[in-house]
Amino acid sequence: MPNTLKRALRRCITNVMVLFIVSCCFTPLSKAQTQSAKDEEVEVDVRGVKVRIPDLKLRDQNGNEVRFYSDLIKDKVIVLTFFYTSCTYLCSMQGKVFSELQTLLGDRLGKSVFLISVSTDPVKDSPQKLKAWGTRFNVKPGWTLVTGDLDEMNKLLVRFTGNKAGVEMHLPVTFVGNEKDGRWTSAVGTFGPQDILGAVNSVASVK
């Protein structure tokens, strides 16, 4: 990537974590805690606002089938971001941050806090490619990489990012949530592991 483009990206990506309620990114509904068989979405209560999270069938880096909501998010404190394995700049930065975040979380990883990285290039990102990418960043149990069929992934990606699958240049978005308590924050930009840990501790704490 040319240096001028890198500098432009750094200027447009904030390093200050501006947090906002995740309901801004979801479609409000009226009924609580119901699942739509047609849309395969689960309705949850986020600080009094009803929002839908897709409960789609995906594949993790080990080739196992997982449900996005039921298996990865329900009743958990999670950090969620998006990447693709052929990305050599922003996604690699995110991989390094998550790798360092694992160390900071220590025994909490996979027990009380879970990391989720969703591929935005499901056509090319097979579970095998996810696993190889994860090896570069020392992925540990508790950090799940997921991919899936193109149509299913588009439902998920549009809901969270507003964009369909693809490898166009993108600004990273991070969601930090405590699904059980309905406490979520999200921000666009690149952040250090300490910044994300602070957000995790914020949503995980009891007020």
N, C-alpha and C. Protein backbone atom coordinates (compact mmCIF):
# COMPACT_ATOMS: atom_id res chain seq x y z
N MET A 1 0.85 -1.18 0.00
CA MET A 1 0.00 0.00 0.00
C MET A 1 0.89 1.24 0.00
N PRO A 2 0.65 2.21 -0.90
CA PRO A 2 1.48 3.42 -0.95
C PRO A 2 1.45 4.15 0.37
N ASN A 3 2.57 4.81 0.68
CA ASN A 3 2.65 5.53 1.95
C ASN A 3 1.63 6.64 2.06
N THR A 4 1.33 7.30 0.92
CA THR A 4 0.34 8.38 0.96
C THR A 4 -1.03 7.85 1.35
N LEU A 5 -1.36 6.64 0.85
CA LEU A 5 -2.64 6.04 1.20
C LEU A 5 -2.66 5.63 2.65
N LYS A 6 -1.53 5.11 3.15
CA LYS A 6 -1.46 4.74 4.56
C LYS A 6 -1.66 5.96 5.45
N ARG A 7 -1.03 7.06 5.07
CA ARG A 7 -1.19 8.27 5.87
C ARG A 7 -2.63 8.76 5.84
N ALA A 8 -3.27 8.63 4.67
CA ALA A 8 -4.66 9.06 4.56
C ALA A 8 -5.56 8.20 5.44
N LEU A 9 -5.28 6.89 5.45
CA LEU A 9 -6.06 6.00 6.28
C LEU A 9 -5.88 6.33 7.76
N ARG A 10 -4.64 6.59 8.14
CA ARG A 10 -4.39 6.90 9.55
C ARG A 10 -5.10 8.18 9.96
N ARG A 11 -5.19 9.13 9.03
CA ARG A 11 -5.87 10.38 9.37
C ARG A 11 -7.36 10.17 9.54
N CYS A 12 -7.94 9.26 8.73
CA CYS A 12 -9.40 9.11 8.77
C CYS A 12 -9.86 8.08 9.79
N ILE A 13 -8.92 7.29 10.33
CA ILE A 13 -9.29 6.31 11.35
C ILE A 13 -8.99 6.89 12.73
N THR A 14 -10.01 7.09 13.52
CA THR A 14 -9.79 7.65 14.86
C THR A 14 -9.18 6.63 15.77
N ASN A 15 -8.32 7.08 16.66
CA ASN A 15 -7.73 6.22 17.67
C ASN A 15 -8.36 6.46 19.03
N VAL A 16 -9.42 7.24 19.06
CA VAL A 16 -10.16 7.47 20.28
C VAL A 16 -11.43 6.65 20.20
N MET A 17 -11.72 5.83 21.18
CA MET A 17 -12.87 4.93 21.13
C MET A 17 -14.14 5.69 21.40
N VAL A 18 -14.88 6.02 20.32
CA VAL A 18 -16.15 6.69 20.45
C VAL A 18 -17.22 5.61 20.51
N LEU A 19 -17.90 5.51 21.66
CA LEU A 19 -18.83 4.43 21.89
C LEU A 19 -20.25 4.87 21.63
N PHE A 20 -21.05 3.98 21.08
CA PHE A 20 -22.46 4.27 20.92
C PHE A 20 -23.25 2.98 21.06
N ILE A 21 -24.52 3.07 21.44
CA ILE A 21 -25.35 1.89 21.67
C ILE A 21 -25.57 1.16 20.36
N VAL A 22 -25.44 -0.16 20.42
CA VAL A 22 -25.48 -0.97 19.23
C VAL A 22 -26.82 -0.93 18.52
N SER A 23 -27.85 -0.46 19.17
CA SER A 23 -29.16 -0.40 18.53
C SER A 23 -29.16 0.50 17.32
N CYS A 24 -28.20 1.40 17.21
CA CYS A 24 -28.09 2.26 16.04
C CYS A 24 -27.83 1.44 14.78
N CYS A 25 -27.27 0.25 14.95
CA CYS A 25 -26.87 -0.58 13.81
C CYS A 25 -27.87 -1.69 13.51
N PHE A 26 -28.93 -1.80 14.29
CA PHE A 26 -29.88 -2.88 14.12
C PHE A 26 -31.28 -2.34 13.83
N THR A 27 -32.16 -3.22 13.39
CA THR A 27 -33.54 -2.86 13.12
C THR A 27 -34.39 -3.06 14.35
N PRO A 28 -35.01 -2.01 14.90
CA PRO A 28 -35.86 -2.16 16.08
C PRO A 28 -37.09 -3.03 15.79
N LEU A 29 -37.50 -3.83 16.80
CA LEU A 29 -38.70 -4.66 16.69
C LEU A 29 -39.55 -4.44 17.93
N SER A 30 -40.63 -5.21 18.03
CA SER A 30 -41.56 -4.94 19.12
C SER A 30 -41.70 -6.06 20.13
N LYS A 31 -41.39 -7.32 19.78
CA LYS A 31 -41.55 -8.43 20.71
C LYS A 31 -40.21 -8.84 21.28
N ALA A 32 -40.23 -9.26 22.56
CA ALA A 32 -38.97 -9.58 23.24
C ALA A 32 -38.66 -11.06 23.18
N GLN A 33 -37.33 -11.35 23.03
CA GLN A 33 -36.80 -12.71 23.14
C GLN A 33 -37.58 -13.73 22.33
N THR A 34 -37.82 -13.47 21.02
CA THR A 34 -38.47 -14.42 20.13
C THR A 34 -37.56 -14.68 18.95
N GLN A 35 -37.66 -15.88 18.39
CA GLN A 35 -36.82 -16.25 17.26
C GLN A 35 -37.67 -16.42 16.02
N SER A 36 -37.24 -15.83 14.90
CA SER A 36 -37.94 -15.96 13.64
C SER A 36 -37.35 -17.12 12.85
N ALA A 37 -38.15 -18.16 12.62
CA ALA A 37 -37.67 -19.31 11.86
C ALA A 37 -37.38 -18.91 10.42
N LYS A 38 -38.17 -17.99 9.89
CA LYS A 38 -37.99 -17.57 8.50
C LYS A 38 -36.68 -16.83 8.32
N ASP A 39 -36.40 -15.88 9.18
CA ASP A 39 -35.22 -15.04 9.05
C ASP A 39 -34.03 -15.56 9.84
N GLU A 40 -34.25 -16.57 10.67
CA GLU A 40 -33.21 -17.12 11.53
C GLU A 40 -32.52 -15.99 12.31
N GLU A 41 -33.34 -15.20 12.95
CA GLU A 41 -32.83 -14.11 13.77
C GLU A 41 -33.41 -14.22 15.17
N VAL A 42 -32.64 -13.75 16.14
CA VAL A 42 -33.07 -13.77 17.53
C VAL A 42 -33.25 -12.34 17.99
N GLU A 43 -34.36 -12.08 18.63
CA GLU A 43 -34.61 -10.75 19.15
C GLU A 43 -34.14 -10.66 20.59
N VAL A 44 -33.35 -9.66 20.89
CA VAL A 44 -32.83 -9.49 22.24
C VAL A 44 -33.12 -8.07 22.72
N ASP A 45 -33.05 -7.91 24.02
CA ASP A 45 -33.28 -6.60 24.63
C ASP A 45 -31.94 -5.94 24.90
N VAL A 46 -31.69 -4.82 24.24
CA VAL A 46 -30.46 -4.06 24.43
C VAL A 46 -30.82 -2.73 25.09
N ARG A 47 -30.66 -2.67 26.40
CA ARG A 47 -30.98 -1.47 27.16
C ARG A 47 -32.38 -0.96 26.84
N GLY A 48 -33.34 -1.88 26.81
CA GLY A 48 -34.72 -1.51 26.60
C GLY A 48 -35.14 -1.41 25.16
N VAL A 49 -34.21 -1.58 24.23
CA VAL A 49 -34.51 -1.53 22.80
C VAL A 49 -34.44 -2.94 22.24
N LYS A 50 -35.47 -3.35 21.49
CA LYS A 50 -35.50 -4.69 20.92
C LYS A 50 -34.75 -4.68 19.58
N VAL A 51 -33.75 -5.54 19.47
CA VAL A 51 -32.96 -5.62 18.25
C VAL A 51 -32.82 -7.08 17.82
N ARG A 52 -32.52 -7.29 16.54
CA ARG A 52 -32.38 -8.64 16.00
C ARG A 52 -30.93 -8.95 15.69
N ILE A 53 -30.51 -10.13 16.12
CA ILE A 53 -29.18 -10.64 15.79
C ILE A 53 -29.37 -11.94 14.99
N PRO A 54 -28.78 -12.04 13.80
CA PRO A 54 -28.94 -13.27 13.01
C PRO A 54 -28.38 -14.48 13.74
N ASP A 55 -29.14 -15.57 13.77
CA ASP A 55 -28.68 -16.81 14.39
C ASP A 55 -28.39 -17.83 13.29
N LEU A 56 -27.47 -17.47 12.42
CA LEU A 56 -27.20 -18.25 11.23
C LEU A 56 -26.24 -19.41 11.50
N LYS A 57 -26.31 -20.42 10.65
CA LYS A 57 -25.38 -21.54 10.72
C LYS A 57 -24.09 -21.16 10.00
N LEU A 58 -22.98 -21.16 10.72
CA LEU A 58 -21.68 -20.81 10.17
C LEU A 58 -20.69 -21.93 10.43
N ARG A 59 -19.45 -21.75 9.95
CA ARG A 59 -18.38 -22.71 10.21
C ARG A 59 -17.22 -21.99 10.87
N ASP A 60 -16.65 -22.61 11.91
CA ASP A 60 -15.51 -21.99 12.55
C ASP A 60 -14.21 -22.46 11.90
N GLN A 61 -13.08 -22.03 12.44
CA GLN A 61 -11.78 -22.34 11.84
C GLN A 61 -11.44 -23.82 11.90
N ASN A 62 -12.16 -24.59 12.69
CA ASN A 62 -11.94 -26.03 12.76
C ASN A 62 -12.93 -26.81 11.91
N GLY A 63 -13.78 -26.09 11.18
CA GLY A 63 -14.76 -26.74 10.32
C GLY A 63 -16.03 -27.14 11.05
N ASN A 64 -16.15 -26.76 12.31
CA ASN A 64 -17.34 -27.11 13.09
C ASN A 64 -18.49 -26.15 12.78
N GLU A 65 -19.71 -26.68 12.75
CA GLU A 65 -20.87 -25.84 12.56
C GLU A 65 -21.22 -25.12 13.86
N VAL A 66 -21.43 -23.83 13.77
CA VAL A 66 -21.80 -23.04 14.95
C VAL A 66 -22.94 -22.11 14.58
N ARG A 67 -23.79 -21.85 15.54
CA ARG A 67 -24.84 -20.85 15.39
C ARG A 67 -24.29 -19.51 15.88
N PHE A 68 -24.45 -18.48 15.05
CA PHE A 68 -23.84 -17.20 15.37
C PHE A 68 -24.32 -16.65 16.72
N TYR A 69 -25.62 -16.64 16.93
CA TYR A 69 -26.13 -16.11 18.20
C TYR A 69 -26.08 -17.17 19.31
N SER A 70 -26.71 -18.32 19.06
CA SER A 70 -26.89 -19.31 20.12
C SER A 70 -25.58 -19.82 20.69
N ASP A 71 -24.59 -20.04 19.82
CA ASP A 71 -23.32 -20.63 20.26
C ASP A 71 -22.26 -19.61 20.61
N LEU A 72 -22.26 -18.46 19.92
CA LEU A 72 -21.15 -17.53 20.07
C LEU A 72 -21.46 -16.30 20.91
N ILE A 73 -22.73 -15.91 21.01
CA ILE A 73 -23.06 -14.64 21.65
C ILE A 73 -23.95 -14.79 22.88
N LYS A 74 -24.90 -15.68 22.84
CA LYS A 74 -25.90 -15.79 23.90
C LYS A 74 -25.25 -15.93 25.28
N ASP A 75 -25.68 -15.05 26.20
CA ASP A 75 -25.25 -15.08 27.61
C ASP A 75 -23.76 -14.85 27.80
N LYS A 76 -23.07 -14.28 26.80
CA LYS A 76 -21.63 -14.10 26.88
C LYS A 76 -21.25 -12.62 26.82
N VAL A 77 -20.04 -12.34 27.29
CA VAL A 77 -19.37 -11.07 27.01
C VAL A 77 -18.47 -11.32 25.80
N ILE A 78 -18.68 -10.54 24.74
CA ILE A 78 -17.97 -10.83 23.48
C ILE A 78 -17.32 -9.57 22.92
N VAL A 79 -16.27 -9.80 22.14
CA VAL A 79 -15.68 -8.76 21.31
C VAL A 79 -15.76 -9.27 19.88
N LEU A 80 -16.40 -8.50 19.02
CA LEU A 80 -16.70 -8.93 17.66
C LEU A 80 -16.09 -7.97 16.66
N THR A 81 -15.40 -8.51 15.66
CA THR A 81 -14.85 -7.67 14.59
C THR A 81 -14.90 -8.44 13.28
N PHE A 82 -14.48 -7.78 12.20
CA PHE A 82 -14.62 -8.34 10.85
C PHE A 82 -13.28 -8.23 10.12
N PHE A 83 -12.99 -9.23 9.29
CA PHE A 83 -11.70 -9.30 8.61
C PHE A 83 -11.81 -10.20 7.40
N TYR A 84 -10.73 -10.28 6.60
CA TYR A 84 -10.61 -11.35 5.61
C TYR A 84 -9.14 -11.73 5.51
N THR A 85 -8.88 -12.98 5.20
CA THR A 85 -7.54 -13.53 5.38
C THR A 85 -6.52 -12.97 4.40
N SER A 86 -6.95 -12.47 3.25
CA SER A 86 -5.99 -11.93 2.28
C SER A 86 -5.68 -10.47 2.53
N CYS A 87 -6.32 -9.86 3.50
CA CYS A 87 -6.05 -8.47 3.86
C CYS A 87 -4.70 -8.40 4.58
N THR A 88 -3.83 -7.53 4.10
CA THR A 88 -2.47 -7.48 4.65
C THR A 88 -2.20 -6.24 5.50
N TYR A 89 -3.17 -5.37 5.65
CA TYR A 89 -2.92 -4.15 6.41
C TYR A 89 -3.81 -4.07 7.65
N LEU A 90 -5.04 -3.58 7.50
CA LEU A 90 -5.90 -3.39 8.66
C LEU A 90 -6.22 -4.70 9.37
N CYS A 91 -6.49 -5.74 8.60
CA CYS A 91 -6.86 -7.01 9.23
C CYS A 91 -5.69 -7.62 9.99
N SER A 92 -4.49 -7.42 9.48
CA SER A 92 -3.32 -7.90 10.20
C SER A 92 -3.14 -7.12 11.50
N MET A 93 -3.41 -5.81 11.45
CA MET A 93 -3.35 -5.00 12.66
C MET A 93 -4.35 -5.51 13.69
N GLN A 94 -5.58 -5.82 13.21
CA GLN A 94 -6.61 -6.34 14.11
C GLN A 94 -6.19 -7.68 14.69
N GLY A 95 -5.59 -8.53 13.86
CA GLY A 95 -5.13 -9.82 14.35
C GLY A 95 -4.11 -9.68 15.47
N LYS A 96 -3.17 -8.75 15.31
CA LYS A 96 -2.16 -8.51 16.34
C LYS A 96 -2.80 -7.99 17.62
N VAL A 97 -3.78 -7.10 17.47
CA VAL A 97 -4.46 -6.54 18.65
C VAL A 97 -5.19 -7.64 19.41
N PHE A 98 -5.94 -8.47 18.69
CA PHE A 98 -6.67 -9.56 19.34
C PHE A 98 -5.71 -10.54 19.99
N SER A 99 -4.57 -10.78 19.33
CA SER A 99 -3.59 -11.70 19.89
C SER A 99 -3.06 -11.17 21.22
N GLU A 100 -2.79 -9.87 21.28
CA GLU A 100 -2.33 -9.26 22.53
C GLU A 100 -3.46 -9.21 23.56
N LEU A 101 -4.69 -9.00 23.07
CA LEU A 101 -5.84 -8.97 23.98
C LEU A 101 -6.01 -10.31 24.68
N GLN A 102 -5.74 -11.40 23.96
CA GLN A 102 -5.82 -12.73 24.58
C GLN A 102 -4.94 -12.80 25.83
N THR A 103 -3.72 -12.27 25.70
CA THR A 103 -2.79 -12.30 26.82
C THR A 103 -3.31 -11.48 27.99
N LEU A 104 -3.85 -10.31 27.68
CA LEU A 104 -4.38 -9.44 28.73
C LEU A 104 -5.57 -10.09 29.44
N LEU A 105 -6.38 -10.83 28.69
CA LEU A 105 -7.55 -11.47 29.29
C LEU A 105 -7.16 -12.65 30.17
N GLY A 106 -6.07 -13.31 29.84
CA GLY A 106 -5.62 -14.44 30.65
C GLY A 106 -6.67 -15.53 30.75
N ASP A 107 -6.96 -15.97 31.96
CA ASP A 107 -7.91 -17.06 32.18
C ASP A 107 -9.35 -16.68 31.84
N ARG A 108 -9.63 -15.41 31.65
CA ARG A 108 -10.99 -14.99 31.30
C ARG A 108 -11.35 -15.41 29.87
N LEU A 109 -10.35 -15.53 29.00
CA LEU A 109 -10.59 -15.90 27.61
C LEU A 109 -11.20 -17.29 27.53
N GLY A 110 -12.34 -17.39 26.88
CA GLY A 110 -13.01 -18.68 26.72
C GLY A 110 -13.83 -19.10 27.91
N LYS A 111 -13.80 -18.30 28.98
CA LYS A 111 -14.60 -18.59 30.16
C LYS A 111 -15.64 -17.51 30.40
N SER A 112 -15.17 -16.27 30.50
CA SER A 112 -16.11 -15.16 30.72
C SER A 112 -16.09 -14.14 29.60
N VAL A 113 -15.07 -14.20 28.75
CA VAL A 113 -14.97 -13.28 27.61
C VAL A 113 -14.59 -14.08 26.37
N PHE A 114 -15.24 -13.76 25.24
CA PHE A 114 -15.03 -14.51 24.01
C PHE A 114 -14.78 -13.54 22.86
N LEU A 115 -13.85 -13.90 21.98
CA LEU A 115 -13.51 -13.09 20.82
C LEU A 115 -14.08 -13.74 19.57
N ILE A 116 -14.62 -12.93 18.67
CA ILE A 116 -15.22 -13.44 17.43
C ILE A 116 -14.72 -12.61 16.27
N SER A 117 -14.14 -13.26 15.26
CA SER A 117 -13.71 -12.59 14.04
C SER A 117 -14.50 -13.18 12.87
N VAL A 118 -15.24 -12.33 12.16
CA VAL A 118 -16.12 -12.76 11.08
C VAL A 118 -15.51 -12.41 9.74
N SER A 119 -15.41 -13.39 8.84
CA SER A 119 -14.85 -13.14 7.52
C SER A 119 -15.81 -12.33 6.66
N THR A 120 -15.26 -11.33 5.97
CA THR A 120 -16.06 -10.58 4.99
C THR A 120 -15.84 -11.10 3.58
N ASP A 121 -15.06 -12.18 3.45
CA ASP A 121 -14.78 -12.78 2.14
C ASP A 121 -15.07 -14.27 2.19
N PRO A 122 -16.34 -14.65 2.44
CA PRO A 122 -16.66 -16.07 2.63
C PRO A 122 -16.43 -16.93 1.40
N VAL A 123 -16.43 -16.34 0.21
CA VAL A 123 -16.21 -17.11 -1.01
C VAL A 123 -14.81 -17.74 -1.00
N LYS A 124 -13.83 -17.00 -0.52
CA LYS A 124 -12.45 -17.50 -0.51
C LYS A 124 -12.01 -18.00 0.86
N ASP A 125 -12.61 -17.48 1.91
CA ASP A 125 -12.16 -17.82 3.25
C ASP A 125 -12.82 -19.10 3.76
N SER A 126 -12.22 -20.22 3.42
CA SER A 126 -12.66 -21.52 3.92
C SER A 126 -12.21 -21.68 5.36
N PRO A 127 -12.77 -22.65 6.10
CA PRO A 127 -12.27 -22.91 7.45
C PRO A 127 -10.76 -23.16 7.49
N GLN A 128 -10.23 -23.81 6.44
CA GLN A 128 -8.80 -24.07 6.40
C GLN A 128 -7.99 -22.77 6.34
N LYS A 129 -8.49 -21.82 5.55
CA LYS A 129 -7.79 -20.53 5.46
C LYS A 129 -7.91 -19.76 6.78
N LEU A 130 -9.06 -19.87 7.40
CA LEU A 130 -9.21 -19.22 8.70
C LEU A 130 -8.23 -19.79 9.71
N LYS A 131 -8.09 -21.10 9.69
CA LYS A 131 -7.19 -21.75 10.66
C LYS A 131 -5.74 -21.33 10.41
N ALA A 132 -5.35 -21.25 9.13
CA ALA A 132 -3.99 -20.83 8.81
C ALA A 132 -3.75 -19.39 9.25
N TRP A 133 -4.74 -18.53 9.03
CA TRP A 133 -4.64 -17.13 9.47
C TRP A 133 -4.54 -17.07 10.99
N GLY A 134 -5.35 -17.87 11.66
CA GLY A 134 -5.33 -17.89 13.11
C GLY A 134 -4.01 -18.35 13.68
N THR A 135 -3.34 -19.27 12.98
CA THR A 135 -2.04 -19.75 13.44
C THR A 135 -1.03 -18.61 13.49
N ARG A 136 -1.14 -17.68 12.53
CA ARG A 136 -0.22 -16.53 12.50
C ARG A 136 -0.34 -15.69 13.77
N PHE A 137 -1.54 -15.68 14.35
CA PHE A 137 -1.78 -14.81 15.49
C PHE A 137 -2.03 -15.59 16.78
N ASN A 138 -1.64 -16.85 16.77
CA ASN A 138 -1.69 -17.67 17.99
C ASN A 138 -3.09 -17.71 18.60
N VAL A 139 -4.08 -17.96 17.75
CA VAL A 139 -5.46 -18.04 18.23
C VAL A 139 -5.60 -19.13 19.28
N LYS A 140 -6.21 -18.77 20.41
CA LYS A 140 -6.41 -19.70 21.51
C LYS A 140 -7.89 -20.03 21.66
N PRO A 141 -8.23 -21.09 22.40
CA PRO A 141 -9.64 -21.39 22.66
C PRO A 141 -10.34 -20.18 23.30
N GLY A 142 -11.46 -19.82 22.75
CA GLY A 142 -12.14 -18.62 23.20
C GLY A 142 -12.14 -17.53 22.15
N TRP A 143 -11.29 -17.70 21.13
CA TRP A 143 -11.28 -16.79 19.97
C TRP A 143 -11.73 -17.61 18.77
N THR A 144 -12.91 -17.29 18.24
CA THR A 144 -13.52 -18.05 17.15
C THR A 144 -13.52 -17.24 15.87
N LEU A 145 -13.03 -17.86 14.79
CA LEU A 145 -13.08 -17.26 13.45
C LEU A 145 -14.19 -17.96 12.69
N VAL A 146 -15.04 -17.20 11.99
CA VAL A 146 -16.18 -17.83 11.32
C VAL A 146 -16.32 -17.37 9.87
N THR A 147 -16.83 -18.27 9.06
CA THR A 147 -17.18 -18.03 7.68
C THR A 147 -18.46 -18.79 7.40
N GLY A 148 -18.97 -18.72 6.16
CA GLY A 148 -20.21 -19.42 5.85
C GLY A 148 -20.59 -19.23 4.40
N ASP A 149 -21.78 -19.71 4.03
CA ASP A 149 -22.27 -19.52 2.68
C ASP A 149 -22.48 -18.04 2.40
N LEU A 150 -22.28 -17.64 1.16
CA LEU A 150 -22.34 -16.23 0.79
C LEU A 150 -23.66 -15.58 1.18
N ASP A 151 -24.78 -16.21 0.87
CA ASP A 151 -26.08 -15.61 1.18
C ASP A 151 -26.26 -15.41 2.68
N GLU A 152 -25.84 -16.41 3.45
CA GLU A 152 -25.98 -16.32 4.89
C GLU A 152 -25.07 -15.22 5.46
N MET A 153 -23.86 -15.18 4.95
CA MET A 153 -22.92 -14.18 5.44
C MET A 153 -23.37 -12.77 5.10
N ASN A 154 -24.00 -12.61 3.94
CA ASN A 154 -24.51 -11.28 3.58
C ASN A 154 -25.56 -10.81 4.58
N LYS A 155 -26.42 -11.72 5.04
CA LYS A 155 -27.42 -11.35 6.04
C LYS A 155 -26.75 -10.83 7.30
N LEU A 156 -25.69 -11.51 7.69
CA LEU A 156 -24.97 -11.14 8.90
C LEU A 156 -24.21 -9.83 8.72
N LEU A 157 -23.49 -9.71 7.62
CA LEU A 157 -22.64 -8.55 7.41
C LEU A 157 -23.44 -7.28 7.21
N VAL A 158 -24.54 -7.36 6.47
CA VAL A 158 -25.37 -6.18 6.26
C VAL A 158 -25.94 -5.70 7.59
N ARG A 159 -26.34 -6.64 8.44
CA ARG A 159 -26.92 -6.27 9.72
C ARG A 159 -25.91 -5.53 10.61
N PHE A 160 -24.65 -5.98 10.60
CA PHE A 160 -23.66 -5.38 11.49
C PHE A 160 -22.88 -4.24 10.86
N THR A 161 -22.59 -4.32 9.56
CA THR A 161 -21.70 -3.33 8.94
C THR A 161 -22.38 -2.46 7.90
N GLY A 162 -23.55 -2.88 7.42
CA GLY A 162 -24.22 -2.14 6.36
C GLY A 162 -23.75 -2.52 4.98
N ASN A 163 -22.77 -3.43 4.88
CA ASN A 163 -22.21 -3.83 3.58
C ASN A 163 -22.30 -5.34 3.38
N LYS A 164 -22.41 -5.74 2.11
CA LYS A 164 -22.38 -7.16 1.79
C LYS A 164 -20.93 -7.64 1.77
N ALA A 165 -20.76 -8.96 1.60
CA ALA A 165 -19.43 -9.55 1.57
C ALA A 165 -18.59 -8.95 0.45
N GLY A 166 -17.30 -8.83 0.69
CA GLY A 166 -16.39 -8.29 -0.30
C GLY A 166 -15.07 -7.94 0.34
N VAL A 167 -14.10 -7.58 -0.49
CA VAL A 167 -12.75 -7.28 0.01
C VAL A 167 -12.35 -5.84 -0.28
N GLU A 168 -13.34 -4.97 -0.50
CA GLU A 168 -13.01 -3.58 -0.73
C GLU A 168 -12.39 -2.98 0.53
N MET A 169 -11.68 -1.86 0.34
CA MET A 169 -11.08 -1.19 1.47
C MET A 169 -12.16 -0.82 2.48
N HIS A 170 -11.90 -1.04 3.74
CA HIS A 170 -12.92 -0.83 4.75
C HIS A 170 -12.29 -0.29 6.02
N LEU A 171 -13.10 0.43 6.79
CA LEU A 171 -12.68 0.85 8.11
C LEU A 171 -13.12 -0.21 9.11
N PRO A 172 -12.27 -0.58 10.03
CA PRO A 172 -12.64 -1.63 10.98
C PRO A 172 -13.69 -1.16 11.97
N VAL A 173 -14.60 -2.06 12.30
CA VAL A 173 -15.61 -1.78 13.32
C VAL A 173 -15.53 -2.87 14.38
N THR A 174 -15.63 -2.48 15.62
CA THR A 174 -15.55 -3.41 16.75
C THR A 174 -16.79 -3.27 17.60
N PHE A 175 -17.39 -4.41 17.93
CA PHE A 175 -18.53 -4.45 18.84
C PHE A 175 -18.08 -5.15 20.12
N VAL A 176 -18.43 -4.57 21.26
CA VAL A 176 -18.17 -5.18 22.55
C VAL A 176 -19.51 -5.27 23.27
N GLY A 177 -19.89 -6.48 23.66
CA GLY A 177 -21.22 -6.64 24.23
C GLY A 177 -21.29 -7.62 25.38
N ASN A 178 -22.22 -7.36 26.27
CA ASN A 178 -22.60 -8.29 27.33
C ASN A 178 -24.05 -8.65 27.03
N GLU A 179 -24.24 -9.73 26.28
CA GLU A 179 -25.58 -10.06 25.79
C GLU A 179 -26.55 -10.35 26.92
N LYS A 180 -26.07 -10.99 27.96
CA LYS A 180 -26.95 -11.36 29.06
C LYS A 180 -27.57 -10.13 29.72
N ASP A 181 -26.78 -9.08 29.87
CA ASP A 181 -27.25 -7.86 30.52
C ASP A 181 -27.73 -6.80 29.53
N GLY A 182 -27.60 -7.08 28.22
CA GLY A 182 -28.04 -6.12 27.21
C GLY A 182 -27.19 -4.87 27.16
N ARG A 183 -25.91 -5.00 27.44
CA ARG A 183 -25.02 -3.84 27.45
C ARG A 183 -24.03 -3.97 26.30
N TRP A 184 -24.10 -3.03 25.35
CA TRP A 184 -23.27 -3.08 24.15
C TRP A 184 -22.64 -1.72 23.89
N THR A 185 -21.46 -1.74 23.31
CA THR A 185 -20.86 -0.55 22.75
C THR A 185 -20.23 -0.94 21.42
N SER A 186 -20.00 0.04 20.57
CA SER A 186 -19.32 -0.24 19.31
C SER A 186 -18.60 1.02 18.85
N ALA A 187 -17.62 0.83 17.99
CA ALA A 187 -16.84 1.97 17.51
C ALA A 187 -16.16 1.59 16.20
N VAL A 188 -15.92 2.61 15.37
CA VAL A 188 -15.18 2.44 14.13
C VAL A 188 -13.78 3.00 14.33
N GLY A 189 -12.78 2.22 13.94
CA GLY A 189 -11.41 2.68 14.08
C GLY A 189 -10.49 1.57 14.52
N THR A 190 -9.23 1.90 14.71
CA THR A 190 -8.25 0.94 15.20
C THR A 190 -7.92 1.27 16.65
N PHE A 191 -7.88 0.24 17.48
CA PHE A 191 -7.70 0.44 18.91
C PHE A 191 -6.65 -0.51 19.45
N GLY A 192 -5.98 -0.09 20.49
CA GLY A 192 -5.02 -0.95 21.15
C GLY A 192 -5.73 -1.96 22.03
N PRO A 193 -5.03 -3.02 22.39
CA PRO A 193 -5.65 -4.06 23.24
C PRO A 193 -6.12 -3.51 24.58
N GLN A 194 -5.41 -2.53 25.13
CA GLN A 194 -5.83 -1.95 26.41
C GLN A 194 -7.14 -1.19 26.26
N ASP A 195 -7.35 -0.52 25.11
CA ASP A 195 -8.61 0.18 24.87
C ASP A 195 -9.78 -0.79 24.86
N ILE A 196 -9.60 -1.91 24.14
CA ILE A 196 -10.68 -2.90 24.05
C ILE A 196 -10.92 -3.56 25.39
N LEU A 197 -9.84 -3.84 26.12
CA LEU A 197 -10.00 -4.42 27.45
C LEU A 197 -10.81 -3.50 28.35
N GLY A 198 -10.58 -2.20 28.25
CA GLY A 198 -11.35 -1.25 29.04
C GLY A 198 -12.82 -1.31 28.70
N ALA A 199 -13.14 -1.45 27.39
CA ALA A 199 -14.54 -1.57 26.99
C ALA A 199 -15.15 -2.86 27.49
N VAL A 200 -14.37 -3.95 27.45
CA VAL A 200 -14.84 -5.24 27.96
C VAL A 200 -15.17 -5.13 29.45
N ASN A 201 -14.28 -4.54 30.20
CA ASN A 201 -14.50 -4.40 31.63
C ASN A 201 -15.70 -3.52 31.92
N SER A 202 -15.93 -2.54 31.06
CA SER A 202 -17.06 -1.64 31.25
C SER A 202 -18.40 -2.35 31.09
N VAL A 203 -18.53 -3.15 30.02
CA VAL A 203 -19.81 -3.84 29.79
C VAL A 203 -19.97 -5.03 30.72
N ALA A 204 -18.85 -5.58 31.19
CA ALA A 204 -18.92 -6.78 32.03
C ALA A 204 -19.22 -6.43 33.50
N SER A 205 -18.92 -5.21 33.90
CA SER A 205 -19.12 -4.83 35.30
C SER A 205 -20.59 -4.63 35.60
N VAL A 206 -20.94 -4.81 36.84
CA VAL A 206 -22.32 -4.63 37.31
C VAL A 206 -22.46 -3.23 37.86
N LYS A 207 -23.43 -2.50 37.30
CA LYS A 207 -23.64 -1.13 37.78
C LYS A 207 -24.89 -1.07 38.65
